[in-house]
PDB file of N, CA and C in Angstrom:
ATOM      1  N   MET A   1     167.482 129.579 106.686  1.00  0.00           N
ATOM      2  CA  MET A   1     166.567 129.558 105.577  1.00  0.00           C
ATOM      3  C   MET A   1     165.336 130.404 105.932  1.00  0.00           C
ATOM      4  N   VAL A   2     164.890 131.217 105.041  1.00  0.00           N
ATOM      5  CA  VAL A   2     163.820 132.171 105.299  1.00  0.00           C
ATOM      6  C   VAL A   2     162.466 131.486 105.463  1.00  0.00           C
ATOM      7  N   GLY A   3     162.234 130.383 104.830  1.00  0.00           N
ATOM      8  CA  GLY A   3     160.925 129.747 104.849  1.00  0.00           C
ATOM      9  C   GLY A   3     160.716 128.775 105.990  1.00  0.00           C
ATOM     10  N   THR A   4     161.623 128.648 106.926  1.00  0.00           N
ATOM     11  CA  THR A   4     161.448 127.684 108.014  1.00  0.00           C
ATOM     12  C   THR A   4     160.357 128.158 108.963  1.00  0.00           C
ATOM     13  N   PRO A   5     159.663 127.206 109.556  1.00  0.00           N
ATOM     14  CA  PRO A   5     158.549 127.562 110.435  1.00  0.00           C
ATOM     15  C   PRO A   5     158.969 128.394 111.648  1.00  0.00           C
ATOM     16  N   SER A   6     160.127 128.137 112.203  1.00  0.00           N
ATOM     17  CA  SER A   6     160.528 128.888 113.390  1.00  0.00           C
ATOM     18  C   SER A   6     160.800 130.358 113.052  1.00  0.00           C
ATOM     19  N   VAL A   7     161.369 130.616 111.890  1.00  0.00           N
ATOM     20  CA  VAL A   7     161.623 131.998 111.484  1.00  0.00           C
ATOM     21  C   VAL A   7     160.313 132.708 111.197  1.00  0.00           C
ATOM     22  N   LEU A   8     159.393 132.025 110.527  1.00  0.00           N
ATOM     23  CA  LEU A   8     158.093 132.630 110.234  1.00  0.00           C
ATOM     24  C   LEU A   8     157.285 132.860 111.513  1.00  0.00           C
ATOM     25  N   ALA A   9     157.365 131.914 112.440  1.00  0.00           N
ATOM     26  CA  ALA A   9     156.661 132.084 113.704  1.00  0.00           C
ATOM     27  C   ALA A   9     157.252 133.251 114.495  1.00  0.00           C
ATOM     28  N   SER A  10     158.568 133.365 114.472  1.00  0.00           N
ATOM     29  CA  SER A  10     159.241 134.461 115.162  1.00  0.00           C
ATOM     30  C   SER A  10     158.879 135.801 114.525  1.00  0.00           C
ATOM     31  N   LEU A  11     158.869 135.853 113.212  1.00  0.00           N
ATOM     32  CA  LEU A  11     158.503 137.071 112.493  1.00  0.00           C
ATOM     33  C   LEU A  11     157.049 137.440 112.772  1.00  0.00           C
ATOM     34  N   SER A  12     156.174 136.444 112.779  1.00  0.00           N
ATOM     35  CA  SER A  12     154.768 136.681 113.062  1.00  0.00           C
ATOM     36  C   SER A  12     154.576 137.212 114.482  1.00  0.00           C
ATOM     37  N   ALA A  13     155.264 136.638 115.448  1.00  0.00           N
ATOM     38  CA  ALA A  13     155.164 137.099 116.839  1.00  0.00           C
ATOM     39  C   ALA A  13     155.691 138.528 116.968  1.00  0.00           C
ATOM     40  N   GLY A  14     156.778 138.840 116.271  1.00  0.00           N
ATOM     41  CA  GLY A  14     157.329 140.194 116.315  1.00  0.00           C
ATOM     42  C   GLY A  14     156.387 141.217 115.715  1.00  0.00           C
ATOM     43  N   LEU A  15     155.783 140.889 114.595  1.00  0.00           N
ATOM     44  CA  LEU A  15     154.820 141.801 113.968  1.00  0.00           C
ATOM     45  C   LEU A  15     153.573 141.983 114.823  1.00  0.00           C
ATOM     46  N   ARG A  16     153.122 140.898 115.432  1.00  0.00           N
ATOM     47  CA  ARG A  16     151.953 140.988 116.306  1.00  0.00           C
ATOM     48  C   ARG A  16     152.252 141.914 117.488  1.00  0.00           C
ATOM     49  N   GLU A  17     153.424 141.768 118.086  1.00  0.00           N
ATOM     50  CA  GLU A  17     153.817 142.636 119.197  1.00  0.00           C
ATOM     51  C   GLU A  17     153.926 144.085 118.741  1.00  0.00           C
ATOM     52  N   PHE A  18     154.472 144.314 117.568  1.00  0.00           N
ATOM     53  CA  PHE A  18     154.629 145.661 117.027  1.00  0.00           C
ATOM     54  C   PHE A  18     153.276 146.357 116.855  1.00  0.00           C
ATOM     55  N   TYR A  19     152.296 145.617 116.359  1.00  0.00           N
ATOM     56  CA  TYR A  19     150.989 146.222 116.112  1.00  0.00           C
ATOM     57  C   TYR A  19     150.105 146.285 117.361  1.00  0.00           C
ATOM     58  N   GLU A  20     150.252 145.356 118.297  1.00  0.00           N
ATOM     59  CA  GLU A  20     149.393 145.328 119.476  1.00  0.00           C
ATOM     60  C   GLU A  20     149.911 146.178 120.621  1.00  0.00           C
ATOM     61  N   ALA A  21     151.195 146.398 120.716  1.00  0.00           N
ATOM     62  CA  ALA A  21     151.791 147.084 121.870  1.00  0.00           C
ATOM     63  C   ALA A  21     151.210 148.475 122.134  1.00  0.00           C
ATOM     64  N   PRO A  22     151.005 149.331 121.145  1.00  0.00           N
ATOM     65  CA  PRO A  22     150.470 150.669 121.444  1.00  0.00           C
ATOM     66  C   PRO A  22     149.053 150.649 122.013  1.00  0.00           C
ATOM     67  N   TYR A  23     148.314 149.595 121.786  1.00  0.00           N
ATOM     68  CA  TYR A  23     146.915 149.536 122.202  1.00  0.00           C
ATOM     69  C   TYR A  23     146.695 148.721 123.466  1.00  0.00           C
ATOM     70  N   ARG A  24     147.728 148.107 123.990  1.00  0.00           N
ATOM     71  CA  ARG A  24     147.585 147.232 125.149  1.00  0.00           C
ATOM     72  C   ARG A  24     147.056 147.983 126.371  1.00  0.00           C
ATOM     73  N   ARG A  25     147.610 149.150 126.660  1.00  0.00           N
ATOM     74  CA  ARG A  25     147.173 149.931 127.815  1.00  0.00           C
ATOM     75  C   ARG A  25     145.729 150.405 127.632  1.00  0.00           C
ATOM     76  N   THR A  26     145.381 150.842 126.428  1.00  0.00           N
ATOM     77  CA  THR A  26     144.025 151.300 126.156  1.00  0.00           C
ATOM     78  C   THR A  26     143.021 150.165 126.325  1.00  0.00           C
ATOM     79  N   MET A  27     143.362 149.003 125.819  1.00  0.00           N
ATOM     80  CA  MET A  27     142.466 147.861 125.938  1.00  0.00           C
ATOM     81  C   MET A  27     142.342 147.404 127.393  1.00  0.00           C
ATOM     82  N   ALA A  28     143.422 147.464 128.164  1.00  0.00           N
ATOM     83  CA  ALA A  28     143.361 147.086 129.578  1.00  0.00           C
ATOM     84  C   ALA A  28     142.484 148.069 130.344  1.00  0.00           C
ATOM     85  N   ARG A  29     142.590 149.353 130.049  1.00  0.00           N
ATOM     86  CA  ARG A  29     141.749 150.352 130.711  1.00  0.00           C
ATOM     87  C   ARG A  29     140.280 150.149 130.339  1.00  0.00           C
ATOM     88  N   ALA A  30     140.005 149.865 129.086  1.00  0.00           N
ATOM     89  CA  ALA A  30     138.623 149.628 128.658  1.00  0.00           C
ATOM     90  C   ALA A  30     138.058 148.387 129.346  1.00  0.00           C
ATOM     91  N   ARG A  31     138.866 147.345 129.470  1.00  0.00           N
ATOM     92  CA  ARG A  31     138.425 146.131 130.153  1.00  0.00           C
ATOM     93  C   ARG A  31     138.141 146.422 131.631  1.00  0.00           C
ATOM     94  N   ARG A  32     139.009 147.214 132.278  1.00  0.00           N
ATOM     95  CA  ARG A  32     138.808 147.568 133.687  1.00  0.00           C
ATOM     96  C   ARG A  32     137.543 148.413 133.862  1.00  0.00           C
ATOM     97  N   ASP A  33     137.310 149.371 132.956  1.00  0.00           N
ATOM     98  CA  ASP A  33     136.097 150.183 133.019  1.00  0.00           C
ATOM     99  C   ASP A  33     134.842 149.334 132.838  1.00  0.00           C
ATOM    100  N   GLU A  34     134.926 148.361 131.948  1.00  0.00           N
ATOM    101  CA  GLU A  34     133.807 147.457 131.728  1.00  0.00           C
ATOM    102  C   GLU A  34     133.548 146.606 132.967  1.00  0.00           C
ATOM    103  N   ASP A  35     134.615 146.142 133.608  1.00  0.00           N
ATOM    104  CA  ASP A  35     134.463 145.382 134.848  1.00  0.00           C
ATOM    105  C   ASP A  35     133.863 146.246 135.955  1.00  0.00           C
ATOM    106  N   ASP A  36     134.255 147.515 136.027  1.00  0.00           N
ATOM    107  CA  ASP A  36     133.701 148.420 137.032  1.00  0.00           C
ATOM    108  C   ASP A  36     132.206 148.639 136.809  1.00  0.00           C
ATOM    109  N   LEU A  37     131.803 148.800 135.572  1.00  0.00           N
ATOM    110  CA  LEU A  37     130.384 148.964 135.268  1.00  0.00           C
ATOM    111  C   LEU A  37     129.606 147.699 135.621  1.00  0.00           C
ATOM    112  N   PHE A  38     130.168 146.559 135.309  1.00  0.00           N
ATOM    113  CA  PHE A  38     129.535 145.288 135.656  1.00  0.00           C
ATOM    114  C   PHE A  38     129.375 145.172 137.170  1.00  0.00           C
ATOM    115  N   THR A  39     130.412 145.532 137.914  1.00  0.00           N
ATOM    116  CA  THR A  39     130.348 145.490 139.374  1.00  0.00           C
ATOM    117  C   THR A  39     129.279 146.424 139.899  1.00  0.00           C
ATOM    118  N   LEU A  40     129.192 147.607 139.343  1.00  0.00           N
ATOM    119  CA  LEU A  40     128.169 148.565 139.763  1.00  0.00           C
ATOM    120  C   LEU A  40     126.768 148.034 139.494  1.00  0.00           C
ATOM    121  N   VAL A  41     126.568 147.411 138.357  1.00  0.00           N
ATOM    122  CA  VAL A  41     125.251 146.865 138.023  1.00  0.00           C
ATOM    123  C   VAL A  41     124.892 145.736 138.974  1.00  0.00           C
ATOM    124  N   VAL A  42     125.860 144.880 139.280  1.00  0.00           N
ATOM    125  CA  VAL A  42     125.586 143.760 140.176  1.00  0.00           C
ATOM    126  C   VAL A  42     125.329 144.243 141.601  1.00  0.00           C
ATOM    127  N   LEU A  43     126.062 145.264 142.049  1.00  0.00           N
ATOM    128  CA  LEU A  43     125.923 145.758 143.416  1.00  0.00           C
ATOM    129  C   LEU A  43     124.870 146.853 143.559  1.00  0.00           C
ATOM    130  N   ALA A  44     124.173 147.194 142.505  1.00  0.00           N
ATOM    131  CA  ALA A  44     123.224 148.313 142.539  1.00  0.00           C
ATOM    132  C   ALA A  44     122.156 148.125 143.603  1.00  0.00           C
ATOM    133  N   GLU A  45     121.601 146.963 143.708  1.00  0.00           N
ATOM    134  CA  GLU A  45     120.554 146.721 144.697  1.00  0.00           C
ATOM    135  C   GLU A  45     121.095 146.871 146.115  1.00  0.00           C
ATOM    136  N   ALA A  46     122.302 146.402 146.354  1.00  0.00           N
ATOM    137  CA  ALA A  46     122.901 146.525 147.684  1.00  0.00           C
ATOM    138  C   ALA A  46     123.250 147.973 148.008  1.00  0.00           C
ATOM    139  N   LEU A  47     123.485 148.775 146.979  1.00  0.00           N
ATOM    140  CA  LEU A  47     123.799 150.187 147.174  1.00  0.00           C
ATOM    141  C   LEU A  47     122.548 151.048 147.311  1.00  0.00           C
ATOM    142  N   GLY A  48     121.382 150.462 147.115  1.00  0.00           N
ATOM    143  CA  GLY A  48     120.134 151.191 147.281  1.00  0.00           C
ATOM    144  C   GLY A  48     119.558 151.735 145.993  1.00  0.00           C
ATOM    145  N   VAL A  49     120.120 151.379 144.876  1.00  0.00           N
ATOM    146  CA  VAL A  49     119.605 151.821 143.579  1.00  0.00           C
ATOM    147  C   VAL A  49     118.626 150.766 143.091  1.00  0.00           C
ATOM    148  N   PRO A  50     117.383 151.151 142.804  1.00  0.00           N
ATOM    149  CA  PRO A  50     116.428 150.155 142.311  1.00  0.00           C
ATOM    150  C   PRO A  50     116.903 149.573 140.980  1.00  0.00           C
ATOM    151  N   ASP A  51     116.934 148.278 140.920  1.00  0.00           N
ATOM    152  CA  ASP A  51     117.457 147.597 139.742  1.00  0.00           C
ATOM    153  C   ASP A  51     116.430 146.593 139.239  1.00  0.00           C
ATOM    154  N   PRO A  52     115.873 146.815 138.065  1.00  0.00           N
ATOM    155  CA  PRO A  52     114.871 145.878 137.555  1.00  0.00           C
ATOM    156  C   PRO A  52     115.446 144.501 137.230  1.00  0.00           C
ATOM    157  N   ALA A  53     116.750 144.415 137.063  1.00  0.00           N
ATOM    158  CA  ALA A  53     117.377 143.136 136.735  1.00  0.00           C
ATOM    159  C   ALA A  53     118.000 142.477 137.958  1.00  0.00           C
ATOM    160  N   SER A  54     117.599 142.889 139.166  1.00  0.00           N
ATOM    161  CA  SER A  54     118.229 142.355 140.376  1.00  0.00           C
ATOM    162  C   SER A  54     118.013 140.854 140.521  1.00  0.00           C
ATOM    163  N   TYR A  55     116.920 140.343 140.011  1.00  0.00           N
ATOM    164  CA  TYR A  55     116.671 138.899 140.069  1.00  0.00           C
ATOM    165  C   TYR A  55     117.780 138.137 139.347  1.00  0.00           C
ATOM    166  N   TYR A  56     118.276 138.686 138.261  1.00  0.00           N
ATOM    167  CA  TYR A  56     119.313 138.011 137.478  1.00  0.00           C
ATOM    168  C   TYR A  56     120.716 138.309 138.000  1.00  0.00           C
ATOM    169  N   THR A  57     120.915 139.516 138.520  1.00  0.00           N
ATOM    170  CA  THR A  57     122.254 139.883 138.965  1.00  0.00           C
ATOM    171  C   THR A  57     122.597 139.326 140.330  1.00  0.00           C
ATOM    172  N   VAL A  58     121.614 138.927 141.133  1.00  0.00           N
ATOM    173  CA  VAL A  58     121.911 138.380 142.456  1.00  0.00           C
ATOM    174  C   VAL A  58     122.723 137.093 142.344  1.00  0.00           C
ATOM    175  N   GLU A  59     122.567 136.368 141.257  1.00  0.00           N
ATOM    176  CA  GLU A  59     123.346 135.151 141.050  1.00  0.00           C
ATOM    177  C   GLU A  59     124.822 135.452 140.813  1.00  0.00           C
ATOM    178  N   MET A  60     125.142 136.675 140.417  1.00  0.00           N
ATOM    179  CA  MET A  60     126.519 137.043 140.120  1.00  0.00           C
ATOM    180  C   MET A  60     127.256 137.643 141.311  1.00  0.00           C
ATOM    181  N   LEU A  61     126.565 137.874 142.421  1.00  0.00           N
ATOM    182  CA  LEU A  61     127.209 138.460 143.592  1.00  0.00           C
ATOM    183  C   LEU A  61     128.434 137.681 144.066  1.00  0.00           C
ATOM    184  N   PRO A  62     128.408 136.364 144.128  1.00  0.00           N
ATOM    185  CA  PRO A  62     129.623 135.657 144.552  1.00  0.00           C
ATOM    186  C   PRO A  62     130.819 135.892 143.629  1.00  0.00           C
ATOM    187  N   LEU A  63     130.574 136.143 142.368  1.00  0.00           N
ATOM    188  CA  LEU A  63     131.670 136.405 141.435  1.00  0.00           C
ATOM    189  C   LEU A  63     132.297 137.769 141.662  1.00  0.00           C
ATOM    190  N   VAL A  64     131.513 138.713 142.151  1.00  0.00           N
ATOM    191  CA  VAL A  64     131.963 140.089 142.317  1.00  0.00           C
ATOM    192  C   VAL A  64     132.454 140.356 143.743  1.00  0.00           C
ATOM    193  N   ALA A  65     132.011 139.567 144.693  1.00  0.00           N
ATOM    194  CA  ALA A  65     132.291 139.838 146.107  1.00  0.00           C
ATOM    195  C   ALA A  65     133.777 139.941 146.419  1.00  0.00           C
ATOM    196  N   ASP A  66     134.603 139.147 145.796  1.00  0.00           N
ATOM    197  CA  ASP A  66     136.036 139.192 146.103  1.00  0.00           C
ATOM    198  C   ASP A  66     136.743 140.381 145.464  1.00  0.00           C
ATOM    199  N   ARG A  67     136.074 141.101 144.566  1.00  0.00           N
ATOM    200  CA  ARG A  67     136.687 142.258 143.916  1.00  0.00           C
ATOM    201  C   ARG A  67     136.146 143.598 144.420  1.00  0.00           C
ATOM    202  N   VAL A  68     135.358 143.589 145.496  1.00  0.00           N
ATOM    203  CA  VAL A  68     134.743 144.816 146.005  1.00  0.00           C
ATOM    204  C   VAL A  68     135.801 145.816 146.451  1.00  0.00           C
ATOM    205  N   HIS A  69     136.840 145.355 147.119  1.00  0.00           N
ATOM    206  CA  HIS A  69     137.881 146.267 147.608  1.00  0.00           C
ATOM    207  C   HIS A  69     138.573 146.991 146.450  1.00  0.00           C
ATOM    208  N   GLU A  70     138.978 146.257 145.427  1.00  0.00           N
ATOM    209  CA  GLU A  70     139.611 146.882 144.253  1.00  0.00           C
ATOM    210  C   GLU A  70     138.679 147.894 143.614  1.00  0.00           C
ATOM    211  N   TRP A  71     137.399 147.547 143.529  1.00  0.00           N
ATOM    212  CA  TRP A  71     136.425 148.414 142.872  1.00  0.00           C
ATOM    213  C   TRP A  71     136.218 149.706 143.650  1.00  0.00           C
ATOM    214  N   HIS A  72     136.000 149.617 144.956  1.00  0.00           N
ATOM    215  CA  HIS A  72     135.695 150.852 145.688  1.00  0.00           C
ATOM    216  C   HIS A  72     136.921 151.750 145.835  1.00  0.00           C
ATOM    217  N   THR A  73     138.121 151.192 145.826  1.00  0.00           N
ATOM    218  CA  THR A  73     139.299 152.069 145.850  1.00  0.00           C
ATOM    219  C   THR A  73     139.485 152.769 144.511  1.00  0.00           C
ATOM    220  N   ARG A  74     139.184 152.103 143.391  1.00  0.00           N
ATOM    221  CA  ARG A  74     139.255 152.753 142.082  1.00  0.00           C
ATOM    222  C   ARG A  74     138.200 153.836 141.941  1.00  0.00           C
ATOM    223  N   MET A  75     137.049 153.639 142.596  1.00  0.00           N
ATOM    224  CA  MET A  75     135.976 154.625 142.531  1.00  0.00           C
ATOM    225  C   MET A  75     136.230 155.808 143.462  1.00  0.00           C
ATOM    226  N   GLY A  76     137.293 155.741 144.273  1.00  0.00           N
ATOM    227  CA  GLY A  76     137.648 156.848 145.153  1.00  0.00           C
ATOM    228  C   GLY A  76     136.975 156.796 146.513  1.00  0.00           C
ATOM    229  N   LEU A  77     136.410 155.663 146.866  1.00  0.00           N
ATOM    230  CA  LEU A  77     135.756 155.505 148.164  1.00  0.00           C
ATOM    231  C   LEU A  77     136.754 154.931 149.164  1.00  0.00           C
ATOM    232  N   ASP A  78     136.823 155.529 150.357  1.00  0.00           N
ATOM    233  CA  ASP A  78     137.761 155.049 151.369  1.00  0.00           C
ATOM    234  C   ASP A  78     137.359 153.691 151.923  1.00  0.00           C
ATOM    235  N   ARG A  79     136.069 153.505 152.122  1.00  0.00           N
ATOM    236  CA  ARG A  79     135.556 152.247 152.664  1.00  0.00           C
ATOM    237  C   ARG A  79     134.506 151.676 151.716  1.00  0.00           C
ATOM    238  N   SER A  80     134.201 150.431 151.898  1.00  0.00           N
ATOM    239  CA  SER A  80     133.192 149.773 151.083  1.00  0.00           C
ATOM    240  C   SER A  80     131.828 150.413 151.331  1.00  0.00           C
ATOM    241  N   PRO A  81     131.065 150.718 150.298  1.00  0.00           N
ATOM    242  CA  PRO A  81     129.744 151.311 150.484  1.00  0.00           C
ATOM    243  C   PRO A  81     128.706 150.305 150.970  1.00  0.00           C
ATOM    244  N   LEU A  82     129.075 149.062 151.044  1.00  0.00           N
ATOM    245  CA  LEU A  82     128.146 148.017 151.486  1.00  0.00           C
ATOM    246  C   LEU A  82     128.393 147.723 152.949  1.00  0.00           C
ATOM    247  N   GLU A  83     127.333 147.808 153.760  1.00  0.00           N
ATOM    248  CA  GLU A  83     127.520 147.587 155.196  1.00  0.00           C
ATOM    249  C   GLU A  83     127.792 146.127 155.535  1.00  0.00           C
ATOM    250  N   HIS A  84     127.343 145.196 154.713  1.00  0.00           N
ATOM    251  CA  HIS A  84     127.585 143.786 155.006  1.00  0.00           C
ATOM    252  C   HIS A  84     128.896 143.268 154.408  1.00  0.00           C
ATOM    253  N   VAL A  85     129.607 144.098 153.656  1.00  0.00           N
ATOM    254  CA  VAL A  85     130.905 143.718 153.113  1.00  0.00           C
ATOM    255  C   VAL A  85     131.947 144.683 153.664  1.00  0.00           C
ATOM    256  N   SER A  86     132.728 144.204 154.615  1.00  0.00           N
ATOM    257  CA  SER A  86     133.773 145.065 155.178  1.00  0.00           C
ATOM    258  C   SER A  86     135.118 144.497 154.751  1.00  0.00           C
ATOM    259  N   CYS A  87     135.732 145.132 153.832  1.00  0.00           N
ATOM    260  CA  CYS A  87     136.996 144.626 153.304  1.00  0.00           C
ATOM    261  C   CYS A  87     138.193 145.421 153.818  1.00  0.00           C
ATOM    262  N   CYS A  88     137.965 146.568 154.406  1.00  0.00           N
ATOM    263  CA  CYS A  88     139.078 147.420 154.850  1.00  0.00           C
ATOM    264  C   CYS A  88     139.196 147.425 156.360  1.00  0.00           C
TER     265      CYS A  88
END
């Protein structure tokens, strides 16, 4: 029967996949770029860049510390630019 909930749910899931699939990679790249910018802003003071918001971003360092290795390899750096964080 065409009006059953399982058929409609299946059709809805198929249409959602059809429309979202071409944009999934673009959205993942945009999310990764946004995360990289966030990491740079949080680590700016440790990198030697004067940051007027360092008072607020220092609270976020523990959230970013475990992702430093992924970030610096994506940025093309062989080693971590932070002397107190040695991940490699």
